[in-house]
Amino acid sequence: MKKDDISLRRRHLMIAGLAGLAAPAGVFAALDTEGGLESAVRPLVVSGRVVDPTGKPLAGAIVAASRVNTTTDADGRFVFTTVAGTARNGLPRSLACRVSHPAHRTLENRMEFGRASLQRDEAGAWRAAVRLHLA
């Protein structure tokens, strides 16, 4: 059996490259004080829908999270790809989020990801689904 000489950091970089993200290897792993991996940074694809208080979709709302901005479509849907640190429980860490629409109040909150809203794809990236309500 051939010895695998690829480091864990290199593997993270290779996986991110497969997912279409380019980042320095240092972005993909953070060391704790004992020299082990405290948290790995993995690709995270967030999709969702922005709705008003009555549940109707909001077209043209701006969703900003983790230095990424996107605008909702006619059905209030959005999707963006970013990177998210992984907590010790293995799930992505929450993301600070800002949602704004000209006809509604701006929402600033955190996107929390629970096991029910998360899946892993074949490249190892997390995929999360969220619903955001604007007042």
C-alpha atoms as a PDB file:
ATOM      1  CA  MET A   1       0.000   0.000   0.000  1.00  0.00           C
ATOM      2  CA  LYS A   2       1.364   3.422  -0.970  1.00  0.00           C
ATOM      3  CA  LYS A   3       2.016   5.914   1.818  1.00  0.00           C
ATOM      4  CA  ASP A   4      -0.154   9.041   1.631  1.00  0.00           C
ATOM      5  CA  ASP A   5       2.161  12.069   1.850  1.00  0.00           C
ATOM      6  CA  ILE A   6      -0.530  14.737   1.482  1.00  0.00           C
ATOM      7  CA  SER A   7      -0.960  16.842   4.618  1.00  0.00           C
ATOM      8  CA  LEU A   8      -4.354  17.666   6.054  1.00  0.00           C
ATOM      9  CA  ARG A   9      -3.913  21.333   5.150  1.00  0.00           C
ATOM     10  CA  ARG A  10      -3.109  20.401   1.557  1.00  0.00           C
ATOM     11  CA  ARG A  11      -6.219  18.210   1.408  1.00  0.00           C
ATOM     12  CA  HIS A  12      -8.397  21.121   2.542  1.00  0.00           C
ATOM     13  CA  LEU A  13      -6.898  23.282  -0.197  1.00  0.00           C
ATOM     14  CA  MET A  14      -7.491  20.577  -2.797  1.00  0.00           C
ATOM     15  CA  ILE A  15     -11.114  20.123  -1.717  1.00  0.00           C
ATOM     16  CA  ALA A  16     -11.701  23.868  -1.847  1.00  0.00           C
ATOM     17  CA  GLY A  17     -10.223  23.950  -5.354  1.00  0.00           C
ATOM     18  CA  LEU A  18     -12.660  21.243  -6.436  1.00  0.00           C
ATOM     19  CA  ALA A  19     -15.515  23.325  -5.078  1.00  0.00           C
ATOM     20  CA  GLY A  20     -14.421  26.330  -7.159  1.00  0.00           C
ATOM     21  CA  LEU A  21     -12.939  28.328  -4.317  1.00  0.00           C
ATOM     22  CA  ALA A  22      -9.349  29.528  -4.271  1.00  0.00           C
ATOM     23  CA  ALA A  23      -7.752  30.446  -0.963  1.00  0.00           C
ATOM     24  CA  PRO A  24      -4.323  30.180   0.610  1.00  0.00           C
ATOM     25  CA  ALA A  25      -3.662  27.018   2.566  1.00  0.00           C
ATOM     26  CA  GLY A  26      -3.462  29.045   5.797  1.00  0.00           C
ATOM     27  CA  VAL A  27      -7.124  29.943   5.467  1.00  0.00           C
ATOM     28  CA  PHE A  28      -8.133  26.286   5.631  1.00  0.00           C
ATOM     29  CA  ALA A  29      -6.846  25.375   9.063  1.00  0.00           C
ATOM     30  CA  ALA A  30      -6.418  27.130  12.399  1.00  0.00           C
ATOM     31  CA  LEU A  31      -4.115  25.643  15.011  1.00  0.00           C
ATOM     32  CA  ASP A  32      -4.966  25.537  18.686  1.00  0.00           C
ATOM     33  CA  THR A  33      -2.341  25.926  21.399  1.00  0.00           C
ATOM     34  CA  GLU A  34      -1.643  22.188  21.467  1.00  0.00           C
ATOM     35  CA  GLY A  35      -0.730  22.140  17.775  1.00  0.00           C
ATOM     36  CA  GLY A  36      -3.824  20.215  16.653  1.00  0.00           C
ATOM     37  CA  LEU A  37      -6.666  21.360  14.474  1.00  0.00           C
ATOM     38  CA  GLU A  38      -9.120  23.484  16.414  1.00  0.00           C
ATOM     39  CA  SER A  39     -11.301  24.365  13.485  1.00  0.00           C
ATOM     40  CA  ALA A  40     -11.111  23.797   9.789  1.00  0.00           C
ATOM     41  CA  VAL A  41     -12.533  26.241   7.297  1.00  0.00           C
ATOM     42  CA  ARG A  42     -14.723  24.582   4.688  1.00  0.00           C
ATOM     43  CA  PRO A  43     -16.767  25.804   1.745  1.00  0.00           C
ATOM     44  CA  LEU A  44     -20.330  26.671   2.705  1.00  0.00           C
ATOM     45  CA  VAL A  45     -23.153  27.126   0.197  1.00  0.00           C
ATOM     46  CA  VAL A  46     -26.076  29.013   1.736  1.00  0.00           C
ATOM     47  CA  SER A  47     -29.411  29.148  -0.033  1.00  0.00           C
ATOM     48  CA  GLY A  48     -32.681  30.479   1.193  1.00  0.00           C
ATOM     49  CA  ARG A  49     -35.616  32.769   0.840  1.00  0.00           C
ATOM     50  CA  VAL A  50     -36.396  36.241   2.155  1.00  0.00           C
ATOM     51  CA  VAL A  51     -40.042  36.864   3.039  1.00  0.00           C
ATOM     52  CA  ASP A  52     -42.052  39.733   4.505  1.00  0.00           C
ATOM     53  CA  PRO A  53     -44.026  39.433   7.784  1.00  0.00           C
ATOM     54  CA  THR A  54     -46.989  37.899   5.943  1.00  0.00           C
ATOM     55  CA  GLY A  55     -44.799  35.213   4.328  1.00  0.00           C
ATOM     56  CA  LYS A  56     -44.757  36.717   0.826  1.00  0.00           C
ATOM     57  CA  PRO A  57     -41.395  36.526  -1.008  1.00  0.00           C
ATOM     58  CA  LEU A  58     -39.349  39.714  -1.294  1.00  0.00           C
ATOM     59  CA  ALA A  59     -37.698  40.312  -4.659  1.00  0.00           C
ATOM     60  CA  GLY A  60     -34.669  42.607  -4.735  1.00  0.00           C
ATOM     61  CA  ALA A  61     -33.644  42.180  -1.093  1.00  0.00           C
ATOM     62  CA  ILE A  62     -29.889  42.374  -0.533  1.00  0.00           C
ATOM     63  CA  VAL A  63     -28.397  39.564   1.567  1.00  0.00           C
ATOM     64  CA  ALA A  64     -24.879  40.201   2.896  1.00  0.00           C
ATOM     65  CA  ALA A  65     -22.935  37.643   4.913  1.00  0.00           C
ATOM     66  CA  SER A  66     -19.263  36.826   5.281  1.00  0.00           C
ATOM     67  CA  ARG A  67     -18.140  39.506   2.794  1.00  0.00           C
ATOM     68  CA  VAL A  68     -20.530  38.206   0.137  1.00  0.00           C
ATOM     69  CA  ASN A  69     -23.503  40.183  -1.216  1.00  0.00           C
ATOM     70  CA  THR A  70     -26.323  38.772  -3.308  1.00  0.00           C
ATOM     71  CA  THR A  71     -29.789  39.916  -4.352  1.00  0.00           C
ATOM     72  CA  THR A  72     -32.966  37.855  -4.128  1.00  0.00           C
ATOM     73  CA  ASP A  73     -34.774  36.843  -7.320  1.00  0.00           C
ATOM     74  CA  ALA A  74     -38.459  37.411  -8.141  1.00  0.00           C
ATOM     75  CA  ASP A  75     -39.421  34.578  -5.766  1.00  0.00           C
ATOM     76  CA  GLY A  76     -37.300  35.946  -2.878  1.00  0.00           C
ATOM     77  CA  ARG A  77     -34.660  33.216  -3.289  1.00  0.00           C
ATOM     78  CA  PHE A  78     -30.890  33.639  -3.014  1.00  0.00           C
ATOM     79  CA  VAL A  79     -27.740  31.523  -3.002  1.00  0.00           C
ATOM     80  CA  PHE A  80     -24.098  32.325  -2.251  1.00  0.00           C
ATOM     81  CA  THR A  81     -20.881  30.460  -1.538  1.00  0.00           C
ATOM     82  CA  THR A  82     -18.476  31.418   1.211  1.00  0.00           C
ATOM     83  CA  VAL A  83     -16.182  29.699   3.693  1.00  0.00           C
ATOM     84  CA  ALA A  84     -17.123  29.002   7.288  1.00  0.00           C
ATOM     85  CA  GLY A  85     -15.134  27.834  10.241  1.00  0.00           C
ATOM     86  CA  THR A  86     -16.101  24.501  11.701  1.00  0.00           C
ATOM     87  CA  ALA A  87     -16.895  24.342  15.404  1.00  0.00           C
ATOM     88  CA  ARG A  88     -15.694  21.467  17.584  1.00  0.00           C
ATOM     89  CA  ASN A  89     -19.028  19.710  17.033  1.00  0.00           C
ATOM     90  CA  GLY A  90     -18.192  19.542  13.307  1.00  0.00           C
ATOM     91  CA  LEU A  91     -20.906  21.955  12.158  1.00  0.00           C
ATOM     92  CA  PRO A  92     -20.216  25.290  10.431  1.00  0.00           C
ATOM     93  CA  ARG A  93     -20.040  28.310  12.710  1.00  0.00           C
ATOM     94  CA  SER A  94     -22.794  30.899  12.489  1.00  0.00           C
ATOM     95  CA  LEU A  95     -22.401  33.819  10.071  1.00  0.00           C
ATOM     96  CA  ALA A  96     -23.177  37.473  10.693  1.00  0.00           C
ATOM     97  CA  CYS A  97     -25.912  38.446   8.256  1.00  0.00           C
ATOM     98  CA  ARG A  98     -27.512  41.670   7.028  1.00  0.00           C
ATOM     99  CA  VAL A  99     -30.664  41.717   4.907  1.00  0.00           C
ATOM    100  CA  SER A 100     -32.065  44.958   3.499  1.00  0.00           C
ATOM    101  CA  HIS A 101     -34.978  45.883   1.249  1.00  0.00           C
ATOM    102  CA  PRO A 102     -36.150  49.415   0.350  1.00  0.00           C
ATOM    103  CA  ALA A 103     -39.702  48.795   1.581  1.00  0.00           C
ATOM    104  CA  HIS A 104     -38.751  47.106   4.854  1.00  0.00           C
ATOM    105  CA  ARG A 105     -36.588  47.497   7.908  1.00  0.00           C
ATOM    106  CA  THR A 106     -33.008  46.146   7.704  1.00  0.00           C
ATOM    107  CA  LEU A 107     -32.378  42.879   9.526  1.00  0.00           C
ATOM    108  CA  GLU A 108     -29.023  42.266  11.197  1.00  0.00           C
ATOM    109  CA  ASN A 109     -28.707  38.857  12.778  1.00  0.00           C
ATOM    110  CA  ARG A 110     -26.664  35.663  12.772  1.00  0.00           C
ATOM    111  CA  MET A 111     -27.360  32.703  10.523  1.00  0.00           C
ATOM    112  CA  GLU A 112     -27.309  29.683  12.815  1.00  0.00           C
ATOM    113  CA  PHE A 113     -26.893  26.267  11.244  1.00  0.00           C
ATOM    114  CA  GLY A 114     -28.415  23.236  12.913  1.00  0.00           C
ATOM    115  CA  ARG A 115     -28.136  19.644  11.767  1.00  0.00           C
ATOM    116  CA  ALA A 116     -31.659  19.755  10.310  1.00  0.00           C
ATOM    117  CA  SER A 117     -30.727  22.522   7.841  1.00  0.00           C
ATOM    118  CA  LEU A 118     -27.297  21.157   6.795  1.00  0.00           C
ATOM    119  CA  GLN A 119     -25.983  18.596   4.336  1.00  0.00           C
ATOM    120  CA  ARG A 120     -22.519  17.709   3.021  1.00  0.00           C
ATOM    121  CA  ASP A 121     -22.024  17.375  -0.738  1.00  0.00           C
ATOM    122  CA  GLU A 122     -19.665  14.983  -2.513  1.00  0.00           C
ATOM    123  CA  ALA A 123     -16.822  17.560  -2.506  1.00  0.00           C
ATOM    124  CA  GLY A 124     -17.040  17.973   1.279  1.00  0.00           C
ATOM    125  CA  ALA A 125     -18.697  21.405   1.193  1.00  0.00           C
ATOM    126  CA  TRP A 126     -21.534  22.197   3.583  1.00  0.00           C
ATOM    127  CA  ARG A 127     -24.902  23.190   2.136  1.00  0.00           C
ATOM    128  CA  ALA A 128     -27.332  25.097   4.339  1.00  0.00           C
ATOM    129  CA  ALA A 129     -30.909  26.251   3.795  1.00  0.00           C
ATOM    130  CA  VAL A 130     -32.292  29.280   5.669  1.00  0.00           C
ATOM    131  CA  ARG A 131     -35.421  31.431   5.734  1.00  0.00           C
ATOM    132  CA  LEU A 132     -35.172  35.122   6.624  1.00  0.00           C
ATOM    133  CA  HIS A 133     -38.154  37.247   7.706  1.00  0.00           C
ATOM    134  CA  LEU A 134     -38.096  41.039   7.254  1.00  0.00           C
ATOM    135  CA  ALA A 135     -40.427  43.244   9.266  1.00  0.00           C
END
